[in-house]
Each structure stands twice: as structure tokens, then as C-alpha cells.
N, C-alpha and C. Protein backbone atom coordinates (compact mmCIF):
# COMPACT_ATOMS: atom_id res chain seq x y z
N ALA A 1 1.01 -3.78 18.52
CA ALA A 1 -0.65 -4.13 18.17
C ALA A 1 -0.53 -5.27 17.33
N THR A 2 -1.53 -6.00 17.41
CA THR A 2 -1.56 -7.42 16.53
C THR A 2 -3.10 -7.58 15.99
N ASN A 3 -3.85 -6.85 16.54
CA ASN A 3 -5.41 -7.01 15.93
C ASN A 3 -5.98 -5.54 15.82
N LEU A 4 -7.28 -5.55 15.41
CA LEU A 4 -8.07 -4.12 15.04
C LEU A 4 -8.22 -3.40 16.48
N ALA A 5 -8.59 -4.24 17.48
CA ALA A 5 -8.88 -3.54 18.76
C ALA A 5 -7.61 -2.83 19.38
N GLU A 6 -6.42 -3.20 19.12
CA GLU A 6 -5.13 -2.63 19.56
C GLU A 6 -4.87 -1.18 18.79
N LEU A 7 -5.35 -1.38 17.45
CA LEU A 7 -5.25 -0.14 16.63
C LEU A 7 -6.01 1.06 16.71
N LYS A 8 -7.38 0.76 17.62
CA LYS A 8 -8.24 1.70 17.76
C LYS A 8 -7.81 3.17 18.38
N ASN A 9 -7.94 4.00 17.60
CA ASN A 9 -7.61 5.56 17.58
C ASN A 9 -6.35 5.90 17.48
N LEU A 10 -5.42 4.92 16.94
CA LEU A 10 -3.81 4.92 16.76
C LEU A 10 -3.70 6.01 15.71
N LYS A 11 -2.96 7.07 15.67
CA LYS A 11 -2.70 8.14 14.97
C LYS A 11 -1.79 7.75 14.18
N VAL A 12 -2.21 7.52 12.81
CA VAL A 12 -1.41 6.87 11.36
C VAL A 12 -1.26 8.09 10.62
N ARG A 13 -0.19 8.20 10.02
CA ARG A 13 0.11 8.85 8.87
C ARG A 13 -0.59 8.48 7.78
N VAL A 14 -1.25 9.20 6.76
CA VAL A 14 -1.95 8.92 5.40
C VAL A 14 -1.40 9.73 4.37
N GLN A 15 -1.39 9.24 3.25
CA GLN A 15 -1.43 10.30 2.01
C GLN A 15 -2.33 11.28 2.22
N GLY A 16 -2.55 12.27 1.29
CA GLY A 16 -3.57 13.31 1.16
C GLY A 16 -4.73 12.78 0.39
N ALA A 17 -4.78 11.85 -0.35
CA ALA A 17 -6.22 11.44 -0.98
C ALA A 17 -6.99 10.96 -0.11
N PRO A 18 -8.21 11.51 -0.05
CA PRO A 18 -9.31 11.22 0.93
C PRO A 18 -9.54 9.76 1.04
N ILE A 19 -9.26 8.93 -0.07
CA ILE A 19 -9.55 7.54 0.14
C ILE A 19 -8.73 6.80 1.43
N TRP A 20 -7.62 7.26 1.32
CA TRP A 20 -6.59 6.79 2.32
C TRP A 20 -7.35 7.27 3.87
N SER A 21 -7.66 8.28 4.11
CA SER A 21 -8.49 8.57 5.57
C SER A 21 -9.50 7.77 5.56
N ARG A 22 -10.25 7.80 4.74
CA ARG A 22 -11.65 6.92 4.84
C ARG A 22 -11.24 5.46 5.16
N THR A 23 -10.27 4.71 4.61
CA THR A 23 -10.18 3.52 4.75
C THR A 23 -9.48 3.21 6.32
N PHE A 24 -8.46 4.10 6.76
CA PHE A 24 -8.13 3.85 8.06
C PHE A 24 -9.14 4.37 9.07
N GLN A 25 -10.02 5.26 8.97
CA GLN A 25 -11.11 5.53 9.84
C GLN A 25 -11.90 4.29 9.84
N ALA A 26 -12.41 3.67 8.53
CA ALA A 26 -13.13 2.59 8.79
C ALA A 26 -12.72 1.27 9.58
N ILE A 27 -11.38 1.36 9.82
CA ILE A 27 -10.91 0.42 10.65
C ILE A 27 -10.63 0.66 12.22
N GLY A 28 -10.89 2.03 12.53
CA GLY A 28 -11.06 2.61 13.73
C GLY A 28 -9.76 3.33 13.98
N MET A 29 -8.57 3.62 13.04
CA MET A 29 -7.51 4.42 13.38
C MET A 29 -7.70 5.78 13.19
N SER A 30 -6.96 6.81 13.68
CA SER A 30 -7.41 8.19 13.28
C SER A 30 -6.39 8.60 12.53
N PRO A 31 -6.40 8.70 11.23
CA PRO A 31 -5.68 9.35 10.14
C PRO A 31 -5.25 10.68 10.41
N THR A 32 -4.01 11.08 9.72
CA THR A 32 -3.57 12.28 9.88
C THR A 32 -2.71 12.47 8.53
N VAL A 33 -3.21 13.31 7.86
CA VAL A 33 -2.40 13.58 6.45
C VAL A 33 -1.21 14.34 6.93
N ILE A 34 0.03 14.01 6.54
CA ILE A 34 1.37 14.38 6.69
C ILE A 34 2.19 14.36 5.70
N ALA A 35 2.86 15.27 5.35
CA ALA A 35 3.82 14.85 4.23
C ALA A 35 4.66 13.90 4.36
N TYR A 36 4.99 13.00 3.29
CA TYR A 36 5.93 11.93 3.63
C TYR A 36 7.20 12.30 4.17
N ASN A 37 7.72 13.36 3.70
CA ASN A 37 9.13 13.65 4.17
C ASN A 37 9.05 14.44 5.59
N GLU A 38 7.90 14.28 6.32
CA GLU A 38 7.86 14.86 7.54
C GLU A 38 7.40 13.55 8.62
N VAL A 39 7.46 12.53 7.89
CA VAL A 39 7.02 11.54 8.83
C VAL A 39 7.74 10.98 9.99
N TYR A 40 9.00 11.15 9.53
CA TYR A 40 10.18 10.68 10.69
C TYR A 40 10.01 11.78 11.95
N ASN A 41 9.99 12.84 11.45
CA ASN A 41 10.01 14.04 12.81
C ASN A 41 8.64 13.87 13.58
N ALA A 42 7.39 13.41 12.66
CA ALA A 42 6.20 13.46 13.21
C ALA A 42 6.05 12.17 14.31
N ILE A 43 6.83 11.07 13.82
CA ILE A 43 6.89 9.83 14.63
C ILE A 43 7.49 10.24 16.11
N GLN A 44 8.63 10.92 15.72
CA GLN A 44 9.67 11.18 16.73
C GLN A 44 8.94 11.83 17.72
N ASN A 45 8.23 12.92 17.38
CA ASN A 45 7.63 13.84 18.03
C ASN A 45 6.17 13.52 18.63
N ASN A 46 5.91 12.44 18.47
CA ASN A 46 4.65 11.83 18.95
C ASN A 46 3.27 12.71 18.02
N VAL A 47 3.56 13.48 17.28
CA VAL A 47 2.28 13.82 16.38
C VAL A 47 1.52 12.75 15.79
N ILE A 48 2.28 11.67 15.31
CA ILE A 48 1.76 10.41 14.88
C ILE A 48 2.44 9.19 15.71
N ASN A 49 1.69 8.23 15.84
CA ASN A 49 1.88 6.81 16.27
C ASN A 49 2.65 6.13 15.46
N ALA A 50 2.16 5.98 14.04
CA ALA A 50 2.45 5.27 13.10
C ALA A 50 2.52 5.68 11.72
N GLY A 51 3.32 5.26 10.52
CA GLY A 51 3.30 5.52 9.19
C GLY A 51 2.71 4.08 8.42
N GLU A 52 2.55 3.95 7.23
CA GLU A 52 2.49 3.14 6.56
C GLU A 52 3.39 2.75 5.42
N ASN A 53 4.01 1.85 5.03
CA ASN A 53 5.12 1.97 3.88
C ASN A 53 5.20 0.70 3.63
N GLU A 54 5.88 0.46 2.30
CA GLU A 54 6.59 -0.79 1.77
C GLU A 54 8.06 -0.53 2.20
N ALA A 55 8.75 -1.70 2.38
CA ALA A 55 9.90 -1.91 2.94
C ALA A 55 11.09 -0.80 2.24
N ALA A 56 11.23 -0.66 1.10
CA ALA A 56 12.09 0.17 0.53
C ALA A 56 11.80 1.79 1.10
N GLY A 57 10.73 2.20 1.38
CA GLY A 57 10.31 3.35 2.03
C GLY A 57 11.06 3.35 3.49
N VAL A 58 10.77 2.46 4.17
CA VAL A 58 11.00 2.23 5.50
C VAL A 58 12.63 2.49 5.53
N GLU A 59 13.44 1.66 4.59
CA GLU A 59 14.85 1.76 4.23
C GLU A 59 15.36 3.08 3.96
N ALA A 60 14.80 3.57 2.81
CA ALA A 60 15.04 4.98 2.38
C ALA A 60 14.94 5.96 3.41
N MET A 61 14.04 6.17 4.23
CA MET A 61 13.57 7.27 5.14
C MET A 61 14.29 6.82 6.59
N LYS A 62 14.49 5.78 6.79
CA LYS A 62 15.09 5.22 8.29
C LYS A 62 14.01 5.18 9.29
N PHE A 63 12.84 4.99 8.82
CA PHE A 63 11.87 5.13 9.66
C PHE A 63 12.04 3.91 10.77
N TYR A 64 12.68 2.74 10.63
CA TYR A 64 13.01 1.94 11.69
C TYR A 64 13.73 2.73 12.73
N GLU A 65 14.25 3.64 12.65
CA GLU A 65 15.08 4.24 13.80
C GLU A 65 14.20 4.93 14.73
N VAL A 66 12.87 5.42 14.62
CA VAL A 66 11.94 5.85 15.18
C VAL A 66 10.67 5.09 15.42
N GLY A 67 10.30 4.14 14.81
CA GLY A 67 9.44 3.16 14.62
C GLY A 67 9.74 1.90 14.34
N PRO A 68 10.33 1.18 15.46
CA PRO A 68 11.26 0.00 14.98
C PRO A 68 10.05 -1.26 14.92
N ASN A 69 8.75 -1.06 15.21
CA ASN A 69 8.03 -2.01 15.15
C ASN A 69 7.28 -2.07 13.75
N LEU A 70 7.02 -3.09 13.28
CA LEU A 70 6.35 -3.06 11.92
C LEU A 70 5.27 -4.03 12.03
N LEU A 71 4.03 -3.61 11.72
CA LEU A 71 2.85 -4.43 12.12
C LEU A 71 2.66 -4.87 10.34
N MET A 72 2.69 -6.22 10.15
CA MET A 72 2.46 -6.69 8.87
C MET A 72 0.93 -6.83 8.51
N THR A 73 0.44 -5.74 8.17
CA THR A 73 -1.11 -5.85 7.88
C THR A 73 -1.31 -6.09 6.41
N ARG A 74 -0.26 -6.06 5.51
CA ARG A 74 -0.52 -6.43 4.31
C ARG A 74 -1.76 -5.75 3.62
N HIS A 75 -2.05 -4.45 3.96
CA HIS A 75 -3.21 -3.99 3.67
C HIS A 75 -3.28 -3.12 2.00
N ALA A 76 -2.11 -2.98 1.64
CA ALA A 76 -2.10 -2.46 0.20
C ALA A 76 -1.15 -3.13 -0.67
N ILE A 77 -1.25 -2.97 -1.86
CA ILE A 77 -0.46 -3.67 -2.84
C ILE A 77 -0.22 -2.25 -3.79
N THR A 78 1.15 -2.08 -3.66
CA THR A 78 1.67 -0.87 -4.87
C THR A 78 1.59 -1.47 -6.32
N ILE A 79 0.86 -0.68 -6.95
CA ILE A 79 0.87 -1.02 -8.47
C ILE A 79 1.70 0.18 -9.28
N ARG A 80 2.26 -0.45 -10.18
CA ARG A 80 3.17 0.63 -10.75
C ARG A 80 2.80 0.26 -12.43
N PRO A 81 1.71 1.19 -12.79
CA PRO A 81 1.29 0.90 -14.30
C PRO A 81 2.20 1.46 -15.37
N LEU A 82 2.14 0.90 -16.51
CA LEU A 82 2.85 1.63 -17.73
C LEU A 82 1.64 2.25 -18.37
N CYS A 83 1.66 3.39 -18.76
CA CYS A 83 0.48 4.18 -19.44
C CYS A 83 0.97 4.90 -20.54
N PHE A 84 0.38 4.90 -21.52
CA PHE A 84 0.44 5.57 -22.79
C PHE A 84 -0.95 5.61 -23.58
N SER A 85 -1.02 6.66 -24.34
CA SER A 85 -2.28 6.71 -25.02
C SER A 85 -2.59 5.71 -26.24
N VAL A 86 -4.01 5.41 -26.22
CA VAL A 86 -4.48 4.27 -27.12
C VAL A 86 -4.14 4.87 -28.79
N LYS A 87 -4.22 6.28 -28.76
CA LYS A 87 -3.96 6.99 -30.16
C LYS A 87 -2.63 6.38 -30.54
N THR A 88 -1.59 6.66 -29.47
CA THR A 88 -0.20 6.32 -29.93
C THR A 88 -0.17 4.78 -30.25
N LEU A 89 -0.72 3.73 -29.36
CA LEU A 89 -0.62 2.52 -29.52
C LEU A 89 -1.33 1.99 -31.01
N LYS A 90 -2.33 2.67 -31.33
CA LYS A 90 -2.85 2.23 -32.69
C LYS A 90 -2.38 2.78 -33.80
N LYS A 91 -1.60 3.62 -33.41
CA LYS A 91 -0.61 3.95 -34.87
C LYS A 91 0.64 2.90 -35.39
N LEU A 92 0.73 2.09 -34.32
CA LEU A 92 1.67 0.94 -34.59
C LEU A 92 1.18 -0.28 -35.17
N PRO A 93 1.92 -0.70 -35.89
CA PRO A 93 1.45 -2.23 -36.67
C PRO A 93 1.02 -3.08 -35.42
N GLN A 94 0.18 -4.14 -35.90
CA GLN A 94 -0.61 -4.98 -34.89
C GLN A 94 0.39 -5.71 -34.22
N ASP A 95 1.73 -6.19 -34.98
CA ASP A 95 2.82 -7.25 -34.15
C ASP A 95 3.12 -6.48 -33.04
N LEU A 96 3.59 -5.06 -33.29
CA LEU A 96 4.05 -4.23 -32.38
C LEU A 96 3.23 -3.83 -31.24
N GLN A 97 1.90 -3.65 -31.50
CA GLN A 97 0.71 -3.58 -30.55
C GLN A 97 0.81 -4.71 -29.60
N ASP A 98 0.96 -6.03 -30.30
CA ASP A 98 0.57 -7.12 -29.20
C ASP A 98 2.09 -7.39 -28.43
N ALA A 99 3.12 -7.09 -29.15
CA ALA A 99 4.59 -7.15 -28.48
C ALA A 99 4.56 -6.16 -27.30
N ILE A 100 3.92 -4.96 -27.39
CA ILE A 100 3.99 -4.07 -26.18
C ILE A 100 2.89 -4.55 -25.05
N ILE A 101 2.09 -4.75 -25.52
CA ILE A 101 0.91 -5.42 -24.54
C ILE A 101 1.57 -6.76 -23.89
N ARG A 102 2.00 -7.54 -24.62
CA ARG A 102 2.79 -8.90 -24.16
C ARG A 102 3.96 -8.41 -23.04
N ALA A 103 4.61 -7.44 -23.40
CA ALA A 103 5.98 -6.95 -22.72
C ALA A 103 5.46 -6.31 -21.36
N GLY A 104 4.34 -5.60 -21.58
CA GLY A 104 3.63 -5.10 -20.30
C GLY A 104 2.95 -6.05 -19.20
N LYS A 105 2.46 -6.91 -19.83
CA LYS A 105 1.97 -8.07 -18.74
C LYS A 105 3.42 -8.65 -18.04
N GLU A 106 4.15 -9.16 -18.83
CA GLU A 106 5.40 -9.93 -18.49
C GLU A 106 6.23 -8.87 -17.45
N ALA A 107 6.50 -7.51 -17.80
CA ALA A 107 6.98 -6.77 -16.65
C ALA A 107 6.17 -6.49 -15.61
N GLY A 108 5.01 -6.44 -15.62
CA GLY A 108 4.03 -6.37 -14.58
C GLY A 108 4.29 -7.41 -13.65
N THR A 109 4.19 -8.73 -14.13
CA THR A 109 4.39 -9.87 -13.22
C THR A 109 5.78 -9.92 -12.60
N TYR A 110 6.79 -9.61 -13.48
CA TYR A 110 8.18 -9.69 -12.85
C TYR A 110 8.48 -8.55 -11.93
N GLY A 111 8.09 -7.29 -12.15
CA GLY A 111 8.03 -6.03 -11.16
C GLY A 111 7.20 -6.57 -10.03
N ARG A 112 6.13 -7.22 -9.91
CA ARG A 112 5.59 -7.57 -8.58
C ARG A 112 6.48 -8.49 -7.71
N GLN A 113 6.93 -9.52 -8.62
CA GLN A 113 7.65 -10.54 -7.99
C GLN A 113 8.92 -10.02 -7.41
N ILE A 114 9.53 -9.31 -8.00
CA ILE A 114 10.93 -8.47 -7.52
C ILE A 114 10.47 -7.60 -6.36
N GLU A 115 9.49 -6.81 -6.54
CA GLU A 115 9.31 -5.63 -5.37
C GLU A 115 8.92 -6.74 -3.98
N SER A 116 7.96 -7.80 -4.02
CA SER A 116 7.50 -8.32 -3.23
C SER A 116 8.88 -9.29 -2.54
N SER A 117 9.66 -9.92 -3.23
CA SER A 117 11.06 -10.44 -2.85
C SER A 117 11.77 -9.67 -2.05
N GLU A 118 12.15 -8.67 -2.71
CA GLU A 118 13.04 -7.30 -2.14
C GLU A 118 12.58 -6.95 -0.73
N ASP A 119 11.39 -6.54 -0.87
CA ASP A 119 10.61 -6.27 0.42
C ASP A 119 10.76 -6.91 1.68
N GLN A 120 10.62 -8.43 1.29
CA GLN A 120 10.84 -9.20 2.60
C GLN A 120 12.37 -9.48 2.75
N ALA A 121 13.15 -9.23 1.80
CA ALA A 121 14.67 -9.39 2.13
C ALA A 121 15.07 -8.27 2.66
N LYS A 122 14.48 -7.19 2.60
CA LYS A 122 14.76 -5.67 3.33
C LYS A 122 14.37 -5.98 4.89
N LEU A 123 13.06 -6.37 4.98
CA LEU A 123 12.39 -6.69 6.29
C LEU A 123 13.25 -7.45 7.28
N ASP A 124 13.50 -8.77 6.66
CA ASP A 124 14.49 -9.73 7.18
C ASP A 124 15.79 -9.02 7.61
N LYS A 125 16.38 -8.28 6.87
CA LYS A 125 17.82 -7.79 6.93
C LYS A 125 17.84 -7.03 8.32
N TYR A 126 16.85 -6.07 8.23
CA TYR A 126 16.67 -5.05 9.36
C TYR A 126 16.31 -6.02 10.80
N ALA A 127 15.52 -6.77 10.53
CA ALA A 127 15.13 -7.67 11.99
C ALA A 127 16.28 -8.21 12.40
N LYS A 128 17.11 -8.79 11.61
CA LYS A 128 18.23 -9.76 11.87
C LYS A 128 19.29 -8.70 12.75
N GLU A 129 19.34 -7.40 12.03
CA GLU A 129 20.07 -6.41 12.49
C GLU A 129 19.60 -5.83 14.10
N GLY A 130 18.49 -6.27 14.22
CA GLY A 130 17.81 -5.70 15.51
C GLY A 130 17.27 -4.28 15.29
N LYS A 131 17.17 -3.87 14.05
CA LYS A 131 16.70 -2.56 13.92
C LYS A 131 15.08 -2.41 13.77
N LEU A 132 14.64 -3.56 13.51
CA LEU A 132 13.18 -3.46 13.40
C LEU A 132 12.54 -4.95 13.59
N LYS A 133 11.21 -4.89 14.09
CA LYS A 133 10.65 -6.08 14.64
C LYS A 133 9.33 -6.37 13.67
N GLN A 134 9.31 -7.43 13.15
CA GLN A 134 8.01 -7.81 12.43
C GLN A 134 6.66 -8.22 13.31
N VAL A 135 5.81 -7.53 13.28
CA VAL A 135 4.64 -7.83 14.11
C VAL A 135 3.67 -8.44 13.32
N ALA A 136 3.06 -9.81 13.76
CA ALA A 136 2.18 -10.52 12.84
C ALA A 136 0.81 -9.71 13.26
N PHE A 137 -0.01 -9.73 12.20
CA PHE A 137 -1.34 -9.11 12.29
C PHE A 137 -2.21 -10.11 12.11
N ASN A 138 -3.26 -10.32 12.96
CA ASN A 138 -4.10 -11.50 13.27
C ASN A 138 -5.68 -11.00 12.59
N ASP A 139 -5.99 -9.59 12.09
CA ASP A 139 -7.14 -9.56 11.98
C ASP A 139 -7.41 -9.00 10.36
N ARG A 140 -6.57 -9.58 9.55
CA ARG A 140 -6.66 -9.06 8.26
C ARG A 140 -8.14 -9.20 7.66
N ALA A 141 -8.78 -10.37 7.84
CA ALA A 141 -10.04 -10.66 7.33
C ALA A 141 -10.94 -9.58 7.84
N GLN A 142 -11.09 -9.48 9.00
CA GLN A 142 -11.84 -8.44 9.44
C GLN A 142 -11.69 -7.10 9.17
N MET A 143 -10.44 -6.69 8.77
CA MET A 143 -10.05 -5.45 8.37
C MET A 143 -10.59 -5.13 6.87
N GLN A 144 -10.50 -6.22 6.10
CA GLN A 144 -10.91 -6.18 4.84
C GLN A 144 -12.51 -5.93 4.76
N LYS A 145 -13.06 -6.59 5.62
CA LYS A 145 -14.77 -6.68 5.73
C LYS A 145 -15.20 -5.13 6.23
N LEU A 146 -14.07 -4.74 6.99
CA LEU A 146 -14.45 -3.17 7.48
C LEU A 146 -14.41 -2.05 6.29
N VAL A 147 -13.42 -2.62 5.60
CA VAL A 147 -13.04 -1.53 4.33
C VAL A 147 -13.88 -1.71 3.27
N GLU A 148 -14.30 -2.92 3.07
CA GLU A 148 -14.78 -3.15 1.84
C GLU A 148 -16.05 -2.01 1.12
N PRO A 149 -17.05 -1.60 2.20
CA PRO A 149 -17.90 -0.69 1.73
C PRO A 149 -17.42 0.80 1.61
N VAL A 150 -16.23 1.07 1.97
CA VAL A 150 -15.34 2.23 1.75
C VAL A 150 -15.07 2.14 0.27
N MET A 151 -14.44 1.09 0.04
CA MET A 151 -13.88 0.82 -1.26
C MET A 151 -15.10 0.93 -2.34
N ALA A 152 -16.15 0.11 -2.05
CA ALA A 152 -17.24 0.13 -3.03
C ALA A 152 -17.71 1.51 -3.24
N ALA A 153 -17.91 2.38 -2.30
CA ALA A 153 -18.36 3.60 -2.44
C ALA A 153 -17.50 4.56 -3.31
N TYR A 154 -16.34 4.37 -2.98
CA TYR A 154 -15.36 5.23 -3.59
C TYR A 154 -15.29 4.89 -5.05
N ALA A 155 -15.34 3.53 -5.45
CA ALA A 155 -15.28 3.13 -6.82
C ALA A 155 -16.68 3.98 -7.65
N LYS A 156 -17.75 3.63 -7.01
CA LYS A 156 -18.91 4.45 -7.41
C LYS A 156 -18.58 5.90 -7.80
N GLU A 157 -18.11 6.62 -6.76
CA GLU A 157 -17.92 8.13 -6.55
C GLU A 157 -17.01 8.44 -7.80
N VAL A 158 -16.01 7.70 -8.00
CA VAL A 158 -15.15 8.07 -9.22
C VAL A 158 -15.70 7.25 -10.37
N GLY A 159 -16.51 6.72 -10.70
CA GLY A 159 -17.10 5.90 -11.75
C GLY A 159 -16.18 4.82 -12.20
N ALA A 160 -15.69 4.19 -11.21
CA ALA A 160 -14.88 2.90 -11.36
C ALA A 160 -15.62 1.66 -10.91
N GLU A 161 -16.73 1.59 -11.08
CA GLU A 161 -17.43 0.21 -10.48
C GLU A 161 -17.05 -0.86 -11.20
N ALA A 162 -17.14 -0.51 -12.82
CA ALA A 162 -16.86 -1.71 -13.45
C ALA A 162 -15.49 -2.65 -13.37
N ILE A 163 -14.48 -1.56 -13.18
CA ILE A 163 -13.12 -2.25 -13.03
C ILE A 163 -13.07 -2.78 -11.39
N TYR A 164 -13.61 -1.86 -10.55
CA TYR A 164 -13.81 -2.52 -9.26
C TYR A 164 -14.12 -3.83 -8.86
N ASN A 165 -15.38 -4.21 -9.80
CA ASN A 165 -16.03 -5.60 -9.72
C ASN A 165 -15.45 -6.54 -10.43
N LYS A 166 -14.82 -6.10 -11.67
CA LYS A 166 -13.56 -7.04 -12.34
C LYS A 166 -12.52 -7.21 -11.36
N ILE A 167 -12.07 -6.62 -10.63
CA ILE A 167 -11.01 -6.86 -9.78
C ILE A 167 -11.48 -7.88 -8.51
N ASN A 168 -12.76 -7.53 -7.99
CA ASN A 168 -12.99 -8.45 -7.04
C ASN A 168 -13.33 -9.76 -7.69
N THR A 169 -13.71 -10.00 -8.97
CA THR A 169 -14.00 -11.20 -9.34
C THR A 169 -12.88 -12.22 -9.32
N LEU A 170 -11.71 -11.44 -9.36
CA LEU A 170 -10.29 -12.20 -9.49
C LEU A 170 -10.05 -12.63 -8.07
N LYS A 171 -10.61 -12.34 -6.90
CA LYS A 171 -10.15 -12.63 -5.59
C LYS A 171 -10.39 -14.35 -5.49
């Protein structure tokens, strides 16, 4: 598959969160909730045709053995937030609060760079070894257009319209 038309009705494993099913339905796929540790067997036994993962997951779970074609949709960015209470932060002196916020921003940027570069290196390694094939996806803009109303509705549903709008101003 290289475009949305070829993804029509494709059975894809999704996480249990309803937003995942809604987004994949919006682009015409057939989402199926399956536990992560069951994906390998589900692909192998044709329960699903596809899963979606970053390279580290593909490597760790050896999904390339049963699903050697990797469609490069780039449909999600994994975010790994650092979380702690405002109450705890406010107990600290201002210089430490500033240092923690600054370090968090730096760590976020660094972590994103590392994860992205390591992902591509892993994919390239498995492609070179003949274990998987990276397939270009040509309909990313159309995919985003189809998913946009789903994301906006979900932001409203969970009371996150302000942050959703702020994120979209960064595009």
C-alpha cells in the first residue's frame, strides 16, 4: 500500500483507547483492538493485516518476521512527558524551579532527536539485512485532512480544546 485507497478496509491492530479506532476508521481502515503482546500471532494468523509501531517496537517484538513491509505513514509522534505535581514544584526555590523547567525542555528536545535518529537507523539496518522493506506513503496530507475532524471532536470531548488549538498554531 502506498496510498489511502490501498488501505481501504485493511485490518489494523490498534490500542484500546477509542481515539485510535476512530482515527483509523476515518481513513477507511478496519481497526481491531488487540493486546500488544498478541500482535505477532495475530498478523501470522491473518487476524489482522497490519500493526503500527515505532522502530524500537518492530525490533523488540520481531514484527518484521511476519510483517516485512513497513508503510512510512508517519501518522503519530510518541511523546514521553515528564510529570510531577505543581504543588511539589512550588515548594522548591525559584532557581530550582527554573532549572527543572529548563532541563525538562532540553531533555524533551534531546529525547525526540535521539528517538527519531535511532528509529531511522534501526529501520535502515533491517532494510539492509533484507528483513523489512520501507514503503513510501504518498497520501499523508489527505490522511491528516480526514483525521482532523476526529481529533478536534476528541479534544472537545475530553476538554482539551485549548491545548489542541495551541498545538495546531505551532504547525
